[in-house]
Protein backbone atom coordinates (compact mmCIF):
# COMPACT_ATOMS: atom_id res chain seq x y z
CA MET A 1 0.03 -0.24 -0.04
CA LYS A 2 1.52 3.27 -1.05
CA ASN A 3 1.91 5.80 1.66
CA PHE A 4 3.62 8.92 2.73
CA LEU A 5 5.77 10.45 5.86
CA ILE A 6 5.22 13.84 7.39
CA TYR A 7 8.47 14.98 8.97
CA GLY A 8 7.89 17.95 11.41
CA SER A 9 4.17 16.60 11.65
CA TYR A 10 3.56 18.09 15.41
CA GLY A 11 4.23 21.63 14.10
CA TYR A 12 1.45 24.22 13.82
CA THR A 13 1.09 23.59 9.92
CA GLY A 14 2.04 20.02 10.12
CA GLN A 15 -0.87 19.52 12.71
CA LEU A 16 -3.39 20.98 10.23
CA ILE A 17 -2.01 18.90 7.43
CA VAL A 18 -2.19 15.40 9.53
CA GLU A 19 -5.84 16.62 10.62
CA LEU A 20 -6.86 16.99 6.77
CA ALA A 21 -5.06 13.87 5.71
CA VAL A 22 -6.81 11.68 8.13
CA LYS A 23 -10.31 13.22 7.15
CA GLU A 24 -9.47 12.24 3.63
CA GLY A 25 -8.97 8.89 4.57
CA MET A 26 -5.38 8.79 4.33
CA HIS A 27 -2.86 7.38 7.21
CA PRO A 28 0.58 8.82 6.88
CA ILE A 29 3.50 8.10 9.10
CA LEU A 30 4.23 10.92 11.51
CA ALA A 31 7.99 11.76 12.05
CA GLY A 32 10.13 14.29 14.17
CA ARG A 33 12.57 14.53 16.77
CA ASP A 34 10.60 15.06 19.74
CA GLU A 35 8.92 11.51 20.75
CA THR A 36 6.63 12.91 23.52
CA LYS A 37 4.78 15.16 20.79
CA LEU A 38 4.96 12.48 18.51
CA ARG A 39 3.49 9.73 20.59
CA ALA A 40 0.72 12.18 21.93
CA GLN A 41 -0.32 13.07 18.24
CA ALA A 42 -0.05 9.42 16.84
CA GLU A 43 -2.28 8.18 19.73
CA LYS A 44 -4.85 10.69 18.93
CA TYR A 45 -5.19 9.97 15.28
CA ASN A 46 -4.31 6.31 15.50
CA LEU A 47 -1.25 6.67 13.34
CA PRO A 48 2.13 5.20 13.13
CA TYR A 49 5.31 7.23 14.18
CA ARG A 50 9.02 7.42 14.00
CA THR A 51 11.37 9.36 16.08
CA PHE A 52 14.56 10.45 14.63
CA SER A 53 16.68 13.68 13.70
CA LEU A 54 17.83 14.41 10.42
CA ASP A 55 21.40 13.79 11.15
CA GLU A 56 20.63 10.32 12.21
CA THR A 57 20.90 8.93 8.39
CA ALA A 58 20.24 5.39 8.88
CA LYS A 59 17.08 5.92 10.82
CA LEU A 60 16.31 8.60 8.31
CA ASP A 61 16.84 6.42 5.46
CA SER A 62 15.19 3.27 7.08
CA ALA A 63 11.82 5.50 7.55
CA LEU A 64 11.77 6.86 4.08
CA LEU A 65 12.04 2.85 2.61
CA GLU A 66 8.66 2.58 4.41
CA VAL A 67 7.01 5.07 2.16
CA ASP A 68 6.74 6.41 -1.45
CA ALA A 69 7.32 10.34 -0.61
CA VAL A 70 8.00 12.60 2.38
CA LEU A 71 6.09 15.92 3.22
CA HIS A 72 8.94 18.11 4.78
CA CYS A 73 7.42 20.62 7.31
CA ALA A 74 10.40 20.94 9.74
CA GLY A 75 11.99 24.57 9.51
CA PRO A 76 13.74 26.86 9.08
CA PHE A 77 14.13 24.63 6.03
CA VAL A 78 17.45 26.42 5.05
CA LEU A 79 18.98 24.30 7.97
CA THR A 80 16.96 20.92 7.24
CA PHE A 81 15.79 20.88 3.47
CA ARG A 82 19.24 19.30 2.15
CA GLN A 83 19.51 16.69 4.62
CA MET A 84 15.90 15.26 3.76
CA ALA A 85 16.31 15.91 -0.09
CA GLU A 86 19.59 14.08 -0.25
CA ALA A 87 18.03 11.01 1.71
CA CYS A 88 15.20 10.89 -0.75
CA ILE A 89 17.34 10.86 -3.77
CA ARG A 90 19.44 8.02 -1.92
CA THR A 91 16.45 6.27 -1.31
CA LYS A 92 14.25 7.23 -4.57
CA ARG A 93 11.56 8.56 -2.70
CA HIS A 94 9.67 11.68 -3.68
CA TYR A 95 10.28 14.97 -1.75
CA VAL A 96 7.77 18.05 -1.22
CA ASP A 97 8.17 20.50 1.23
CA ILE A 98 6.50 23.51 2.66
CA SER A 99 9.32 25.98 2.55
CA GLY A 100 9.36 29.77 1.29
CA GLU A 101 12.92 29.99 1.28
CA ILE A 102 14.51 30.98 -1.73
CA GLU A 103 18.05 29.32 -1.03
CA GLY A 104 16.39 25.96 -0.67
CA PHE A 105 14.46 26.48 -3.95
CA GLU A 106 17.89 27.17 -6.01
CA ALA A 107 19.97 24.40 -4.11
CA LEU A 108 17.21 21.96 -5.31
CA ALA A 109 16.88 23.26 -8.64
CA LYS A 110 20.72 22.34 -9.04
CA MET A 111 19.81 18.87 -7.99
CA ASP A 112 17.44 18.29 -10.88
CA THR A 113 19.66 15.86 -12.77
CA GLU A 114 20.26 13.50 -9.54
CA ALA A 115 16.67 13.36 -8.93
CA LYS A 116 15.81 12.50 -12.80
CA GLN A 117 18.13 9.75 -12.42
CA ALA A 118 16.62 8.56 -9.27
CA GLY A 119 13.42 8.79 -10.96
CA ILE A 120 11.79 10.99 -8.17
CA MET A 121 10.17 14.41 -8.04
CA LEU A 122 11.74 17.25 -5.97
CA LEU A 123 9.00 19.96 -5.30
CA PRO A 124 9.57 22.51 -2.81
CA GLY A 125 6.99 25.34 -1.68
CA GLY A 126 4.14 22.95 -1.73
CA GLY A 127 1.98 25.34 0.45
CA PHE A 128 0.81 28.74 0.49
CA ASP A 129 4.35 29.80 -0.65
CA VAL A 130 4.31 29.25 -3.64
CA VAL A 131 1.32 27.25 -5.10
CA PRO A 132 -1.11 30.19 -5.50
CA SER A 133 1.44 32.55 -6.56
CA ASP A 134 3.31 30.30 -9.07
CA CYS A 135 0.15 29.05 -10.68
CA LEU A 136 -0.73 32.90 -10.81
CA ALA A 137 2.69 33.55 -12.58
CA ALA A 138 2.23 30.71 -15.23
CA HIS A 139 -1.31 31.97 -15.87
CA LEU A 140 0.17 35.48 -16.53
CA LYS A 141 2.83 34.07 -18.75
CA GLY A 142 0.02 32.19 -20.86
CA ARG A 143 -1.60 35.69 -21.34
CA LEU A 144 1.52 37.51 -22.34
CA PRO A 145 3.99 34.99 -23.57
CA THR A 146 6.63 37.94 -24.55
CA ALA A 147 6.61 39.13 -20.88
CA THR A 148 10.06 40.19 -19.57
CA HIS A 149 9.05 41.38 -16.15
CA PHE A 150 6.87 40.22 -13.25
CA ARG A 151 5.68 41.63 -10.16
CA LEU A 152 3.70 39.96 -7.34
CA PHE A 153 1.67 41.87 -4.79
CA ILE A 154 0.09 40.07 -1.87
CA GLN A 155 -2.15 41.21 0.88
CA GLY A 156 -3.01 39.22 3.93
CA VAL A 157 -6.58 39.86 5.43
CA GLY A 158 -7.44 38.18 8.90
CA GLY A 159 -4.61 35.74 8.89
CA GLY A 160 -1.81 35.55 11.32
CA VAL A 161 1.61 34.02 11.87
CA SER A 162 2.85 30.59 13.43
CA ARG A 163 5.80 30.13 15.50
CA GLY A 164 7.51 28.15 12.76
CA THR A 165 7.01 30.92 10.31
CA ALA A 166 8.35 33.59 12.57
CA VAL A 167 11.36 31.35 13.61
CA SER A 168 12.24 30.84 9.98
CA GLY A 169 11.90 34.69 9.01
CA ILE A 170 14.25 35.36 11.88
CA GLU A 171 16.84 32.59 10.70
CA ASN A 172 16.77 34.10 7.32
CA MET A 173 16.42 37.89 8.20
CA HIS A 174 20.32 38.63 7.36
CA ARG A 175 19.67 37.72 3.50
CA GLN A 176 17.35 40.97 3.51
CA GLY A 177 15.57 41.65 0.03
CA ARG A 178 16.04 39.73 -3.15
CA ILE A 179 14.86 40.15 -6.50
CA ARG A 180 15.42 38.64 -9.85
CA ARG A 181 17.41 40.87 -12.61
CA ASP A 182 18.21 39.99 -15.98
CA GLY A 183 17.78 36.32 -14.84
CA LYS A 184 20.01 36.55 -11.62
CA ILE A 185 19.05 36.98 -8.17
CA VAL A 186 20.48 39.93 -6.78
CA GLN A 187 20.49 41.24 -3.00
CA VAL A 188 18.64 44.73 -2.30
CA PRO A 189 18.50 46.61 1.06
CA PRO A 190 15.36 46.22 3.37
CA ALA A 191 12.50 47.86 2.17
CA TRP A 192 14.20 48.53 -1.19
CA GLN A 193 11.18 49.83 -2.95
CA VAL A 194 7.65 50.75 -1.63
CA LEU A 195 4.87 50.70 -4.43
CA GLU A 196 0.81 51.34 -4.07
CA GLN A 197 -1.36 48.56 -5.21
CA ASP A 198 -5.15 48.35 -5.41
CA PHE A 199 -6.24 44.89 -4.18
CA GLY A 200 -10.06 45.97 -4.59
CA ARG A 201 -10.61 48.60 -1.91
CA GLY A 202 -7.95 51.68 -2.74
CA PRO A 203 -4.44 51.51 -2.81
CA LYS A 204 -2.25 50.03 -0.14
CA LYS A 205 1.36 50.55 0.30
CA ALA A 206 3.17 47.42 -0.55
CA VAL A 207 6.85 47.04 0.32
CA SER A 208 9.63 44.93 -1.46
CA ILE A 209 10.55 41.42 0.07
CA GLY A 210 12.16 38.50 -0.69
CA TRP A 211 9.20 36.05 -1.69
CA GLY A 212 10.02 32.63 -2.61
CA ASP A 213 8.69 33.53 -6.27
CA VAL A 214 11.70 35.49 -6.92
CA SER A 215 13.14 31.89 -7.64
CA THR A 216 10.26 30.11 -8.70
CA ALA A 217 8.59 32.03 -10.93
CA TYR A 218 11.66 32.20 -13.08
CA HIS A 219 11.73 28.38 -13.20
CA SER A 220 8.18 28.34 -14.13
CA THR A 221 7.82 30.96 -16.87
CA GLY A 222 11.59 32.14 -17.79
CA VAL A 223 10.56 35.82 -16.90
CA PRO A 224 14.25 37.26 -16.32
CA ASN A 225 13.09 40.35 -13.92
CA ILE A 226 10.85 39.43 -10.67
CA GLU A 227 9.87 41.58 -7.84
CA THR A 228 7.75 40.82 -5.10
CA TYR A 229 5.73 42.99 -2.80
CA PHE A 230 3.71 42.36 0.39
CA ALA A 231 1.15 45.03 1.65
CA VAL A 232 2.10 46.13 5.14
CA LYS A 233 1.29 49.14 7.38
CA SER A 234 3.86 52.35 7.41
CA SER A 235 5.19 51.35 10.93
CA ALA A 236 6.29 48.02 9.31
CA ILE A 237 7.94 49.77 6.51
CA ASN A 238 9.77 52.09 8.74
CA LEU A 239 10.88 49.27 10.72
CA LEU A 240 12.61 47.51 7.74
CA ARG A 241 14.12 50.56 6.67
CA LEU A 242 15.61 50.75 10.40
CA THR A 243 17.23 47.46 10.05
CA ARG A 244 19.33 48.88 7.18
CA VAL A 245 21.29 50.58 10.06
CA ILE A 246 20.96 48.19 13.15
CA GLY A 247 20.53 45.01 10.98
CA PRO A 248 24.37 43.97 11.52
CA LEU A 249 23.44 43.87 15.24
CA LEU A 250 20.53 41.57 14.75
CA TYR A 251 22.06 39.11 12.05
CA THR A 252 24.60 37.65 14.25
CA ARG A 253 23.99 34.11 15.48
CA LEU A 254 23.50 35.16 19.22
CA ALA A 255 20.93 37.76 18.33
CA ARG A 256 19.11 35.32 16.06
CA ASN A 257 19.12 32.48 18.62
CA LEU A 258 17.80 35.24 21.34
CA LEU A 259 14.98 36.31 18.96
CA GLN A 260 13.92 32.84 18.10
CA TRP A 261 13.95 32.03 21.47
CA ILE A 262 11.36 35.11 22.60
CA ILE A 263 9.02 33.78 19.43
CA ARG A 264 8.99 30.35 20.85
CA TRP A 265 8.11 31.60 24.38
CA ALA A 266 5.67 34.37 23.50
CA ASN A 267 4.17 32.58 20.48
CA PRO A 268 3.37 28.78 21.35
CA HIS A 269 1.07 28.53 18.90
CA GLY A 270 -0.50 30.18 15.47
CA PRO A 271 -3.73 31.53 14.27
CA SER A 272 -6.84 30.52 15.85
CA PRO A 273 -9.11 27.92 13.94
CA GLU A 274 -11.53 30.85 13.15
CA LYS A 275 -8.80 32.82 11.50
CA ASN A 276 -7.92 29.81 9.81
CA ARG A 277 -11.61 29.74 8.39
CA ASN A 278 -12.20 33.40 7.86
CA GLY A 279 -9.00 34.71 6.71
CA PHE A 280 -7.76 35.15 3.22
CA ASN A 281 -5.06 36.24 0.98
CA LEU A 282 -5.34 38.58 -2.29
CA MET A 283 -2.50 38.28 -4.77
CA VAL A 284 -2.32 40.79 -8.01
CA GLY A 285 0.21 39.70 -10.50
CA GLU A 286 1.33 42.01 -13.19
CA MET A 287 3.62 40.85 -16.23
CA ARG A 288 4.78 43.41 -18.93
CA ASP A 289 6.85 43.67 -22.07
CA ALA A 290 8.04 46.39 -23.98
CA GLU A 291 4.51 47.19 -25.23
CA LYS A 292 1.88 45.55 -22.95
CA ILE A 293 1.11 45.13 -19.47
CA VAL A 294 -1.27 42.18 -18.16
CA ARG A 295 -2.84 41.91 -14.66
CA THR A 296 -4.54 39.15 -12.76
CA LYS A 297 -5.93 39.22 -9.18
CA LEU A 298 -6.30 35.93 -7.23
CA ARG A 299 -8.06 35.55 -4.15
CA VAL A 300 -7.41 32.56 -1.70
CA PRO A 301 -7.85 31.18 1.70
CA GLU A 302 -6.12 31.63 4.72
CA GLY A 303 -2.41 30.57 4.09
CA TYR A 304 -1.92 27.83 6.65
CA ARG A 305 -5.23 26.41 5.63
CA LEU A 306 -4.42 26.45 1.79
CA THR A 307 -0.94 24.94 2.71
CA ALA A 308 -2.98 22.01 4.30
CA LEU A 309 -5.37 21.57 1.17
CA THR A 310 -2.65 21.83 -1.24
CA THR A 311 0.16 19.50 0.40
CA VAL A 312 -2.69 16.80 0.85
CA GLU A 313 -3.50 16.88 -2.82
CA ILE A 314 -0.34 16.96 -4.11
CA MET A 315 0.40 13.70 -1.95
CA LYS A 316 -2.82 12.01 -3.26
CA ARG A 317 -1.60 12.46 -6.94
CA ILE A 318 1.80 11.49 -6.11
CA LEU A 319 0.81 8.39 -4.39
CA ASN A 320 -2.12 7.56 -7.14
CA GLY A 321 -0.40 8.52 -10.18
CA ASP A 322 2.50 7.27 -12.46
CA PRO A 323 4.93 9.75 -13.95
CA SER A 324 3.11 12.27 -15.59
CA THR A 325 2.62 12.85 -19.13
CA GLY A 326 1.60 16.41 -19.01
CA SER A 327 -2.04 15.77 -17.78
CA GLY A 328 -1.01 17.56 -14.34
CA GLN A 329 -1.49 13.98 -12.56
CA GLY A 330 1.09 11.94 -10.59
CA TYR A 331 4.37 13.49 -10.59
CA LYS A 332 7.10 14.45 -13.07
CA PRO A 333 10.89 13.42 -11.85
CA GLY A 334 13.23 16.06 -11.49
CA PHE A 335 13.20 19.49 -9.56
CA GLN A 336 9.73 21.22 -10.16
CA THR A 337 7.66 24.12 -9.21
CA PRO A 338 3.91 23.67 -8.53
CA SER A 339 2.62 24.94 -11.88
CA LEU A 340 5.27 22.86 -13.70
CA ALA A 341 4.13 19.72 -11.90
CA TYR A 342 0.39 20.27 -12.12
CA GLY A 343 -0.79 23.13 -14.62
CA LYS A 344 -1.44 26.67 -14.18
CA ASP A 345 -4.98 25.61 -12.91
CA PHE A 346 -4.04 23.72 -10.33
CA ILE A 347 -4.82 26.28 -7.61
CA MET A 348 -8.49 26.58 -9.30
CA GLN A 349 -9.66 23.30 -7.54
CA PHE A 350 -9.67 24.44 -3.99
CA GLU A 351 -12.83 26.11 -2.46
CA GLY A 352 -12.31 29.62 -1.98
CA VAL A 353 -10.07 30.40 -4.74
CA GLU A 354 -11.26 33.02 -7.36
CA ARG A 355 -9.16 34.47 -10.42
CA GLU A 356 -9.96 37.66 -12.18
CA ASP A 357 -8.23 38.94 -15.49
CA LEU A 358 -7.90 42.64 -14.54
CA PRO A 359 -8.20 45.66 -17.18
């Protein structure tokens, strides 16, 4: 019987994924480092579990040999993706993660040949970052095949941030902002650019950030110039600008460890069930060439809820399908983005998703 393993299953997002998978009739194997949390979760859902760290290579490989695919949910991913991906290549098991970290995306893209030789798929960014935005980018490229520039604007409404997301953000904050220029990823200062974007209720200030699509949208569309923006309050923009000055003090290992400890102590959970149900995100994508601009708006459910929906669906497709022949089913060996693996309309199957091409 085909099955998959969820590593980091007891984290905030992992718990949402487990709950949905069980509801859908799936029986994943739970895994992670904390046996106490794993045992409690496994007993609650009547699921098997395996306890090991990613440095315990023999245990890691043994666990992967029990399944066909792994859903990697243990961040910060910049510290964990390589051990898991290399183990998947060794054991010829498919790899999917819920990361949004550019470094991991680019490193996994370089492992494309190894993955193809092993006959497996490497699919990072299987959740909110970057499934909806990646599908949006692919949709826009279809509207304007000659596009040379892509801008993505995101606004969160009524959601929140989990402890794991906050810890990952702290781990990566020294990398500052990133954009893609002429095909290459370049670093820019925090709050490098502030633009206005109308998501439907008047202009909002949006600040440049290094969102995952700086990496993945290039692999999906070939568009060489990519910028990503998030709508935030002016106070947050000012704080980002301040880090240009105090950044070197915050980016030390000691400072990051201290900030992560504070987050773990002060934010033990994540968004409430009510926020998961009622929150949503708006995205506006813009592609242009020398003569034309095309714009599309996308509305999707709250990010953590959407991550559970997309990852469970991806696991279903991997477990139920053979190598894809272009139908968007099964899997495609090698490094993939969500839209390359399952098509630009993959996001449209989920309840609460709306897409509108703008004037």
